[in-house]
């Protein structure tokens, strides 16, 4: 009988977690062996002999969850936000002690969103101006979104590498927040509105033209193909990977 990869879902009672549980249960090559919620013992990962932990919990718990998985040589696929540069560096150091273990931390699992961010990074050097608008549901606890932050970082890196100057902006006076948050020099505007799920626009402006790259997720099921892609590839990618684009062949 063909081996089915043993998967545990952490944060299984949340909207993303519930969708992930169903996606794993429906996948013929995967076996759901544990579902953990707030307060459940992480020892269940070991007891269930999980090979991969999907962490869709909350920022306060995610680092503890992932470090426990790595310490027990369990691969991790992470969709929880709140991973600072310091936390990522500490995790990378821990992974150095477990060289066969892989961790994917993805700000967004929607394949269309990952592609939109990659397209935006490629376009960044060709336009004078760029700003990001991210729109999410009212239950989202962080702003800007992890996707918007990563998009801004990749755009800023692309513009720096190409020598593109800072975007022109004659603003001299502004109310706090009127020009949005600044991420590596890129303005990011966050909207929280009832009825939304997850949406992002990257607006580029140049001489006589504008380019808008927009992605929309209308439900949590839209993230599941990316989650499953991560689950199926993480064991073959030891070490730390940040961003689902690291698992896609975007240079082809």
C-alpha atoms as a PDB file:
ATOM      1  CA  UNK A   1       0.000   0.000   0.000  1.00  0.00           C
ATOM      2  CA  UNK A   2       1.293   3.471  -0.908  1.00  0.00           C
ATOM      3  CA  UNK A   3       2.467   5.464   2.097  1.00  0.00           C
ATOM      4  CA  UNK A   4       0.176   8.309   3.097  1.00  0.00           C
ATOM      5  CA  UNK A   5       1.956  11.239   4.704  1.00  0.00           C
ATOM      6  CA  UNK A   6       0.845  11.748   8.299  1.00  0.00           C
ATOM      7  CA  UNK A   7      -0.344  15.333   8.859  1.00  0.00           C
ATOM      8  CA  UNK A   8      -1.419  17.240  11.965  1.00  0.00           C
ATOM      9  CA  UNK A   9      -3.265  20.570  11.864  1.00  0.00           C
ATOM     10  CA  UNK A  10      -2.707  23.138  14.611  1.00  0.00           C
ATOM     11  CA  UNK A  11      -5.325  25.850  14.965  1.00  0.00           C
ATOM     12  CA  UNK A  12      -7.814  23.329  13.641  1.00  0.00           C
ATOM     13  CA  UNK A  13     -10.870  25.130  15.004  1.00  0.00           C
ATOM     14  CA  UNK A  14     -10.289  28.394  13.170  1.00  0.00           C
ATOM     15  CA  UNK A  15     -11.632  29.141   9.703  1.00  0.00           C
ATOM     16  CA  UNK A  16      -8.336  28.390   7.986  1.00  0.00           C
ATOM     17  CA  UNK A  17      -7.790  25.384  10.217  1.00  0.00           C
ATOM     18  CA  UNK A  18     -11.181  23.903   9.427  1.00  0.00           C
ATOM     19  CA  UNK A  19     -10.550  24.320   5.707  1.00  0.00           C
ATOM     20  CA  UNK A  20      -7.122  22.674   6.079  1.00  0.00           C
ATOM     21  CA  UNK A  21      -8.586  19.733   7.992  1.00  0.00           C
ATOM     22  CA  UNK A  22     -11.058  19.089   5.184  1.00  0.00           C
ATOM     23  CA  UNK A  23      -8.384  19.514   2.495  1.00  0.00           C
ATOM     24  CA  UNK A  24      -6.081  16.996   4.169  1.00  0.00           C
ATOM     25  CA  UNK A  25      -8.935  14.540   4.741  1.00  0.00           C
ATOM     26  CA  UNK A  26      -9.908  14.768   1.066  1.00  0.00           C
ATOM     27  CA  UNK A  27      -6.348  14.265  -0.236  1.00  0.00           C
ATOM     28  CA  UNK A  28      -5.704  10.610  -1.153  1.00  0.00           C
ATOM     29  CA  UNK A  29      -1.966  10.834  -0.439  1.00  0.00           C
ATOM     30  CA  UNK A  30      -2.342  12.397   3.024  1.00  0.00           C
ATOM     31  CA  UNK A  31      -3.621  11.116   6.363  1.00  0.00           C
ATOM     32  CA  UNK A  32      -4.955  13.449   9.058  1.00  0.00           C
ATOM     33  CA  UNK A  33      -3.609  12.090  12.350  1.00  0.00           C
ATOM     34  CA  UNK A  34      -4.201  14.967  14.796  1.00  0.00           C
ATOM     35  CA  UNK A  35      -6.136  18.214  15.143  1.00  0.00           C
ATOM     36  CA  UNK A  36      -5.026  20.624  17.852  1.00  0.00           C
ATOM     37  CA  UNK A  37      -6.736  23.692  19.226  1.00  0.00           C
ATOM     38  CA  UNK A  38      -5.827  26.275  21.836  1.00  0.00           C
ATOM     39  CA  UNK A  39      -4.622  24.595  25.021  1.00  0.00           C
ATOM     40  CA  UNK A  40      -4.102  21.141  23.517  1.00  0.00           C
ATOM     41  CA  UNK A  41      -0.801  19.445  24.290  1.00  0.00           C
ATOM     42  CA  UNK A  42       1.807  19.540  21.540  1.00  0.00           C
ATOM     43  CA  UNK A  43       2.822  16.073  22.668  1.00  0.00           C
ATOM     44  CA  UNK A  44      -0.059  14.849  20.505  1.00  0.00           C
ATOM     45  CA  UNK A  45       2.186  15.472  17.489  1.00  0.00           C
ATOM     46  CA  UNK A  46       4.599  12.834  18.744  1.00  0.00           C
ATOM     47  CA  UNK A  47       1.908  10.462  19.985  1.00  0.00           C
ATOM     48  CA  UNK A  48       0.180  10.602  16.590  1.00  0.00           C
ATOM     49  CA  UNK A  49       3.515  10.100  14.791  1.00  0.00           C
ATOM     50  CA  UNK A  50       2.895  13.172  12.664  1.00  0.00           C
ATOM     51  CA  UNK A  51       5.388  13.745   9.870  1.00  0.00           C
ATOM     52  CA  UNK A  52       4.192  17.251   9.018  1.00  0.00           C
ATOM     53  CA  UNK A  53       2.551  19.880  11.201  1.00  0.00           C
ATOM     54  CA  UNK A  54       0.406  22.544   9.532  1.00  0.00           C
ATOM     55  CA  UNK A  55       0.383  25.558  11.842  1.00  0.00           C
ATOM     56  CA  UNK A  56      -2.603  27.854  11.339  1.00  0.00           C
ATOM     57  CA  UNK A  57      -2.844  28.964  14.936  1.00  0.00           C
ATOM     58  CA  UNK A  58      -2.282  32.483  16.326  1.00  0.00           C
ATOM     59  CA  UNK A  59       0.884  34.624  16.467  1.00  0.00           C
ATOM     60  CA  UNK A  60       1.355  34.132  20.210  1.00  0.00           C
ATOM     61  CA  UNK A  61       1.474  30.336  19.815  1.00  0.00           C
ATOM     62  CA  UNK A  62       3.050  29.825  16.414  1.00  0.00           C
ATOM     63  CA  UNK A  63       6.722  30.096  17.362  1.00  0.00           C
ATOM     64  CA  UNK A  64       6.320  27.616  20.226  1.00  0.00           C
ATOM     65  CA  UNK A  65       4.403  25.217  17.967  1.00  0.00           C
ATOM     66  CA  UNK A  66       6.963  25.303  15.169  1.00  0.00           C
ATOM     67  CA  UNK A  67       9.991  25.027  17.424  1.00  0.00           C
ATOM     68  CA  UNK A  68       8.425  21.991  19.130  1.00  0.00           C
ATOM     69  CA  UNK A  69       7.867  20.376  15.730  1.00  0.00           C
ATOM     70  CA  UNK A  70      11.453  21.002  14.616  1.00  0.00           C
ATOM     71  CA  UNK A  71      12.866  19.747  17.913  1.00  0.00           C
ATOM     72  CA  UNK A  72      11.023  16.472  17.259  1.00  0.00           C
ATOM     73  CA  UNK A  73      12.092  16.321  13.572  1.00  0.00           C
ATOM     74  CA  UNK A  74       8.587  17.058  12.311  1.00  0.00           C
ATOM     75  CA  UNK A  75       8.378  19.227   9.195  1.00  0.00           C
ATOM     76  CA  UNK A  76       6.192  22.341   9.463  1.00  0.00           C
ATOM     77  CA  UNK A  77       4.056  24.325   7.052  1.00  0.00           C
ATOM     78  CA  UNK A  78       3.140  27.661   8.632  1.00  0.00           C
ATOM     79  CA  UNK A  79       0.473  30.175   7.663  1.00  0.00           C
ATOM     80  CA  UNK A  80       0.417  32.103  10.929  1.00  0.00           C
ATOM     81  CA  UNK A  81       1.637  35.712  10.869  1.00  0.00           C
ATOM     82  CA  UNK A  82       3.861  37.471  13.396  1.00  0.00           C
ATOM     83  CA  UNK A  83       7.220  35.978  12.399  1.00  0.00           C
ATOM     84  CA  UNK A  84       9.721  38.790  12.915  1.00  0.00           C
ATOM     85  CA  UNK A  85      13.236  38.771  11.514  1.00  0.00           C
ATOM     86  CA  UNK A  86      14.528  37.854  14.970  1.00  0.00           C
ATOM     87  CA  UNK A  87      12.149  34.894  15.247  1.00  0.00           C
ATOM     88  CA  UNK A  88      13.075  33.708  11.762  1.00  0.00           C
ATOM     89  CA  UNK A  89      16.789  33.923  12.576  1.00  0.00           C
ATOM     90  CA  UNK A  90      16.287  31.947  15.778  1.00  0.00           C
ATOM     91  CA  UNK A  91      14.287  29.295  13.898  1.00  0.00           C
ATOM     92  CA  UNK A  92      16.965  29.041  11.198  1.00  0.00           C
ATOM     93  CA  UNK A  93      19.554  28.474  13.921  1.00  0.00           C
ATOM     94  CA  UNK A  94      17.431  25.691  15.426  1.00  0.00           C
ATOM     95  CA  UNK A  95      16.975  24.098  12.004  1.00  0.00           C
ATOM     96  CA  UNK A  96      20.771  23.995  11.706  1.00  0.00           C
ATOM     97  CA  UNK A  97      20.656  21.405  14.480  1.00  0.00           C
ATOM     98  CA  UNK A  98      18.060  19.382  12.529  1.00  0.00           C
ATOM     99  CA  UNK A  99      19.469  19.439   8.988  1.00  0.00           C
ATOM    100  CA  UNK A 100      16.896  17.064   7.507  1.00  0.00           C
ATOM    101  CA  UNK A 101      13.859  19.006   8.748  1.00  0.00           C
ATOM    102  CA  UNK A 102      12.068  21.562   6.582  1.00  0.00           C
ATOM    103  CA  UNK A 103       9.897  24.538   7.514  1.00  0.00           C
ATOM    104  CA  UNK A 104       7.848  26.662   5.130  1.00  0.00           C
ATOM    105  CA  UNK A 105       6.518  29.972   6.451  1.00  0.00           C
ATOM    106  CA  UNK A 106       4.115  31.474   3.945  1.00  0.00           C
ATOM    107  CA  UNK A 107       2.439  34.885   4.376  1.00  0.00           C
ATOM    108  CA  UNK A 108      -0.150  33.747   1.831  1.00  0.00           C
ATOM    109  CA  UNK A 109      -1.079  30.323   0.443  1.00  0.00           C
ATOM    110  CA  UNK A 110      -3.275  31.535  -2.413  1.00  0.00           C
ATOM    111  CA  UNK A 111      -1.351  30.660  -5.572  1.00  0.00           C
ATOM    112  CA  UNK A 112      -2.770  33.685  -7.386  1.00  0.00           C
ATOM    113  CA  UNK A 113      -1.588  35.987  -4.605  1.00  0.00           C
ATOM    114  CA  UNK A 114       1.914  34.509  -4.681  1.00  0.00           C
ATOM    115  CA  UNK A 115       2.039  35.006  -8.450  1.00  0.00           C
ATOM    116  CA  UNK A 116       0.688  38.564  -8.165  1.00  0.00           C
ATOM    117  CA  UNK A 117       3.450  39.437  -5.699  1.00  0.00           C
ATOM    118  CA  UNK A 118       6.073  37.920  -8.017  1.00  0.00           C
ATOM    119  CA  UNK A 119       4.664  39.893 -10.975  1.00  0.00           C
ATOM    120  CA  UNK A 120       4.717  43.082  -8.890  1.00  0.00           C
ATOM    121  CA  UNK A 121       8.377  42.569  -7.988  1.00  0.00           C
ATOM    122  CA  UNK A 122       9.214  42.159 -11.688  1.00  0.00           C
ATOM    123  CA  UNK A 123       7.297  45.325 -12.627  1.00  0.00           C
ATOM    124  CA  UNK A 124       8.708  47.438  -9.802  1.00  0.00           C
ATOM    125  CA  UNK A 125      11.747  48.832 -11.631  1.00  0.00           C
ATOM    126  CA  UNK A 126       9.739  50.083 -14.611  1.00  0.00           C
ATOM    127  CA  UNK A 127       7.511  52.633 -12.831  1.00  0.00           C
ATOM    128  CA  UNK A 128       8.168  55.859 -10.954  1.00  0.00           C
ATOM    129  CA  UNK A 129       5.573  55.272  -8.246  1.00  0.00           C
ATOM    130  CA  UNK A 130       4.186  52.304  -6.356  1.00  0.00           C
ATOM    131  CA  UNK A 131       1.741  51.907  -3.464  1.00  0.00           C
ATOM    132  CA  UNK A 132      -0.059  48.912  -1.964  1.00  0.00           C
ATOM    133  CA  UNK A 133      -3.640  48.627  -0.738  1.00  0.00           C
ATOM    134  CA  UNK A 134      -4.583  45.501   1.211  1.00  0.00           C
ATOM    135  CA  UNK A 135      -8.184  44.768   2.169  1.00  0.00           C
ATOM    136  CA  UNK A 136      -9.286  42.170   4.705  1.00  0.00           C
ATOM    137  CA  UNK A 137     -12.154  41.076   6.921  1.00  0.00           C
ATOM    138  CA  UNK A 138     -12.784  42.776  10.264  1.00  0.00           C
ATOM    139  CA  UNK A 139     -11.531  39.814  12.309  1.00  0.00           C
ATOM    140  CA  UNK A 140      -7.934  40.187  11.116  1.00  0.00           C
ATOM    141  CA  UNK A 141      -5.729  41.151  14.068  1.00  0.00           C
ATOM    142  CA  UNK A 142      -2.639  42.518  12.289  1.00  0.00           C
ATOM    143  CA  UNK A 143      -2.055  45.398   9.892  1.00  0.00           C
ATOM    144  CA  UNK A 144      -0.517  45.578   7.404  1.00  0.00           C
ATOM    145  CA  UNK A 145      -1.049  41.999   6.325  1.00  0.00           C
ATOM    146  CA  UNK A 146       1.910  39.656   6.057  1.00  0.00           C
ATOM    147  CA  UNK A 147       1.321  39.447   2.315  1.00  0.00           C
ATOM    148  CA  UNK A 148       1.470  43.221   1.929  1.00  0.00           C
ATOM    149  CA  UNK A 149       4.656  43.426   3.981  1.00  0.00           C
ATOM    150  CA  UNK A 150       6.347  40.732   1.898  1.00  0.00           C
ATOM    151  CA  UNK A 151       5.139  42.327  -1.342  1.00  0.00           C
ATOM    152  CA  UNK A 152       6.548  45.689  -0.255  1.00  0.00           C
ATOM    153  CA  UNK A 153       9.862  44.113   0.738  1.00  0.00           C
ATOM    154  CA  UNK A 154      10.255  42.326  -2.600  1.00  0.00           C
ATOM    155  CA  UNK A 155       9.316  45.476  -4.517  1.00  0.00           C
ATOM    156  CA  UNK A 156      11.783  47.551  -2.498  1.00  0.00           C
ATOM    157  CA  UNK A 157      14.553  44.994  -3.096  1.00  0.00           C
ATOM    158  CA  UNK A 158      13.862  44.993  -6.844  1.00  0.00           C
ATOM    159  CA  UNK A 159      13.924  48.796  -7.042  1.00  0.00           C
ATOM    160  CA  UNK A 160      17.120  48.998  -4.993  1.00  0.00           C
ATOM    161  CA  UNK A 161      18.857  46.379  -7.158  1.00  0.00           C
ATOM    162  CA  UNK A 162      17.883  48.222 -10.348  1.00  0.00           C
ATOM    163  CA  UNK A 163      18.773  51.641  -8.975  1.00  0.00           C
ATOM    164  CA  UNK A 164      15.224  52.959  -9.269  1.00  0.00           C
ATOM    165  CA  UNK A 165      14.916  56.226  -7.302  1.00  0.00           C
ATOM    166  CA  UNK A 166      12.381  56.790  -4.551  1.00  0.00           C
ATOM    167  CA  UNK A 167       8.864  57.546  -5.733  1.00  0.00           C
ATOM    168  CA  UNK A 168       8.077  61.258  -6.089  1.00  0.00           C
ATOM    169  CA  UNK A 169       5.858  62.622  -3.296  1.00  0.00           C
ATOM    170  CA  UNK A 170       5.391  66.335  -2.601  1.00  0.00           C
ATOM    171  CA  UNK A 171       3.399  65.802   0.596  1.00  0.00           C
ATOM    172  CA  UNK A 172       4.548  68.251   3.283  1.00  0.00           C
ATOM    173  CA  UNK A 173       1.726  67.995   5.819  1.00  0.00           C
ATOM    174  CA  UNK A 174      -0.523  65.022   6.535  1.00  0.00           C
ATOM    175  CA  UNK A 175      -2.670  63.606   9.303  1.00  0.00           C
ATOM    176  CA  UNK A 176      -1.196  60.554  11.008  1.00  0.00           C
ATOM    177  CA  UNK A 177      -1.774  57.511   8.802  1.00  0.00           C
ATOM    178  CA  UNK A 178      -3.006  59.461   5.794  1.00  0.00           C
ATOM    179  CA  UNK A 179      -0.144  58.179   3.653  1.00  0.00           C
ATOM    180  CA  UNK A 180      -0.361  54.685   5.115  1.00  0.00           C
ATOM    181  CA  UNK A 181       2.358  52.654   6.788  1.00  0.00           C
ATOM    182  CA  UNK A 182       5.812  52.674   5.203  1.00  0.00           C
ATOM    183  CA  UNK A 183       7.444  49.306   4.584  1.00  0.00           C
ATOM    184  CA  UNK A 184      10.972  49.676   3.212  1.00  0.00           C
ATOM    185  CA  UNK A 185       9.907  52.960   1.657  1.00  0.00           C
ATOM    186  CA  UNK A 186       6.733  51.566   0.062  1.00  0.00           C
ATOM    187  CA  UNK A 187       3.402  53.043   1.286  1.00  0.00           C
ATOM    188  CA  UNK A 188       0.962  50.340   2.412  1.00  0.00           C
ATOM    189  CA  UNK A 189      -2.681  51.114   3.161  1.00  0.00           C
ATOM    190  CA  UNK A 190      -4.806  48.680   5.211  1.00  0.00           C
ATOM    191  CA  UNK A 191      -8.591  48.428   4.952  1.00  0.00           C
ATOM    192  CA  UNK A 192     -10.747  46.317   7.291  1.00  0.00           C
ATOM    193  CA  UNK A 193     -14.289  45.895   6.023  1.00  0.00           C
ATOM    194  CA  UNK A 194     -17.144  43.523   6.773  1.00  0.00           C
ATOM    195  CA  UNK A 195     -17.825  41.094   3.924  1.00  0.00           C
ATOM    196  CA  UNK A 196     -14.232  40.901   2.683  1.00  0.00           C
ATOM    197  CA  UNK A 197     -11.909  37.905   2.863  1.00  0.00           C
ATOM    198  CA  UNK A 198      -8.409  38.766   1.551  1.00  0.00           C
ATOM    199  CA  UNK A 199      -7.602  41.181  -1.258  1.00  0.00           C
ATOM    200  CA  UNK A 200      -4.608  43.185  -2.411  1.00  0.00           C
ATOM    201  CA  UNK A 201      -3.857  45.811  -5.045  1.00  0.00           C
ATOM    202  CA  UNK A 202      -0.412  46.967  -6.096  1.00  0.00           C
ATOM    203  CA  UNK A 203      -0.647  50.261  -7.970  1.00  0.00           C
ATOM    204  CA  UNK A 204       2.186  51.382 -10.249  1.00  0.00           C
ATOM    205  CA  UNK A 205       2.289  54.837 -11.841  1.00  0.00           C
ATOM    206  CA  UNK A 206       4.432  56.072 -14.696  1.00  0.00           C
ATOM    207  CA  UNK A 207       4.409  58.741 -17.363  1.00  0.00           C
ATOM    208  CA  UNK A 208       0.863  58.744 -18.752  1.00  0.00           C
ATOM    209  CA  UNK A 209      -0.071  55.261 -17.506  1.00  0.00           C
ATOM    210  CA  UNK A 210      -1.004  53.137 -14.525  1.00  0.00           C
ATOM    211  CA  UNK A 211      -0.670  49.409 -13.905  1.00  0.00           C
ATOM    212  CA  UNK A 212      -2.752  47.695 -11.223  1.00  0.00           C
ATOM    213  CA  UNK A 213      -2.037  44.137 -10.114  1.00  0.00           C
ATOM    214  CA  UNK A 214      -4.915  42.837  -7.989  1.00  0.00           C
ATOM    215  CA  UNK A 215      -5.682  39.517  -6.369  1.00  0.00           C
ATOM    216  CA  UNK A 216      -8.891  38.484  -4.600  1.00  0.00           C
ATOM    217  CA  UNK A 217      -9.560  35.533  -2.308  1.00  0.00           C
ATOM    218  CA  UNK A 218     -13.281  35.066  -1.756  1.00  0.00           C
ATOM    219  CA  UNK A 219     -13.141  32.178   0.704  1.00  0.00           C
ATOM    220  CA  UNK A 220     -10.675  30.206   2.795  1.00  0.00           C
ATOM    221  CA  UNK A 221     -10.779  27.277   0.387  1.00  0.00           C
ATOM    222  CA  UNK A 222      -8.771  29.445  -2.036  1.00  0.00           C
ATOM    223  CA  UNK A 223      -5.719  28.937   0.190  1.00  0.00           C
ATOM    224  CA  UNK A 224      -5.890  25.147   0.278  1.00  0.00           C
ATOM    225  CA  UNK A 225      -4.086  24.300  -2.998  1.00  0.00           C
ATOM    226  CA  UNK A 226      -1.102  26.241  -1.671  1.00  0.00           C
ATOM    227  CA  UNK A 227      -1.295  24.561   1.729  1.00  0.00           C
ATOM    228  CA  UNK A 228      -1.316  21.134   0.086  1.00  0.00           C
ATOM    229  CA  UNK A 229       1.555  22.136  -2.196  1.00  0.00           C
ATOM    230  CA  UNK A 230       3.562  23.085   0.879  1.00  0.00           C
ATOM    231  CA  UNK A 231       2.687  19.856   2.664  1.00  0.00           C
ATOM    232  CA  UNK A 232       3.776  17.774  -0.312  1.00  0.00           C
ATOM    233  CA  UNK A 233       7.084  19.591  -0.836  1.00  0.00           C
ATOM    234  CA  UNK A 234       8.314  20.603   2.609  1.00  0.00           C
ATOM    235  CA  UNK A 235      10.040  17.294   3.373  1.00  0.00           C
ATOM    236  CA  UNK A 236      12.166  17.650   0.241  1.00  0.00           C
ATOM    237  CA  UNK A 237      13.210  21.214   1.141  1.00  0.00           C
ATOM    238  CA  UNK A 238      15.202  21.041   4.397  1.00  0.00           C
ATOM    239  CA  UNK A 239      15.910  24.258   6.228  1.00  0.00           C
ATOM    240  CA  UNK A 240      13.811  27.428   6.311  1.00  0.00           C
ATOM    241  CA  UNK A 241      11.850  28.702   3.320  1.00  0.00           C
ATOM    242  CA  UNK A 242       9.949  31.978   3.612  1.00  0.00           C
ATOM    243  CA  UNK A 243       7.229  32.452   1.016  1.00  0.00           C
ATOM    244  CA  UNK A 244       5.435  29.882  -1.101  1.00  0.00           C
ATOM    245  CA  UNK A 245       7.206  31.352  -4.131  1.00  0.00           C
ATOM    246  CA  UNK A 246      10.257  29.420  -2.908  1.00  0.00           C
ATOM    247  CA  UNK A 247       8.431  26.236  -3.939  1.00  0.00           C
ATOM    248  CA  UNK A 248       7.320  27.536  -7.350  1.00  0.00           C
ATOM    249  CA  UNK A 249       9.335  27.634 -10.554  1.00  0.00           C
ATOM    250  CA  UNK A 250       8.797  31.335 -11.228  1.00  0.00           C
ATOM    251  CA  UNK A 251      11.908  31.763 -13.389  1.00  0.00           C
ATOM    252  CA  UNK A 252      10.736  29.296 -16.032  1.00  0.00           C
END
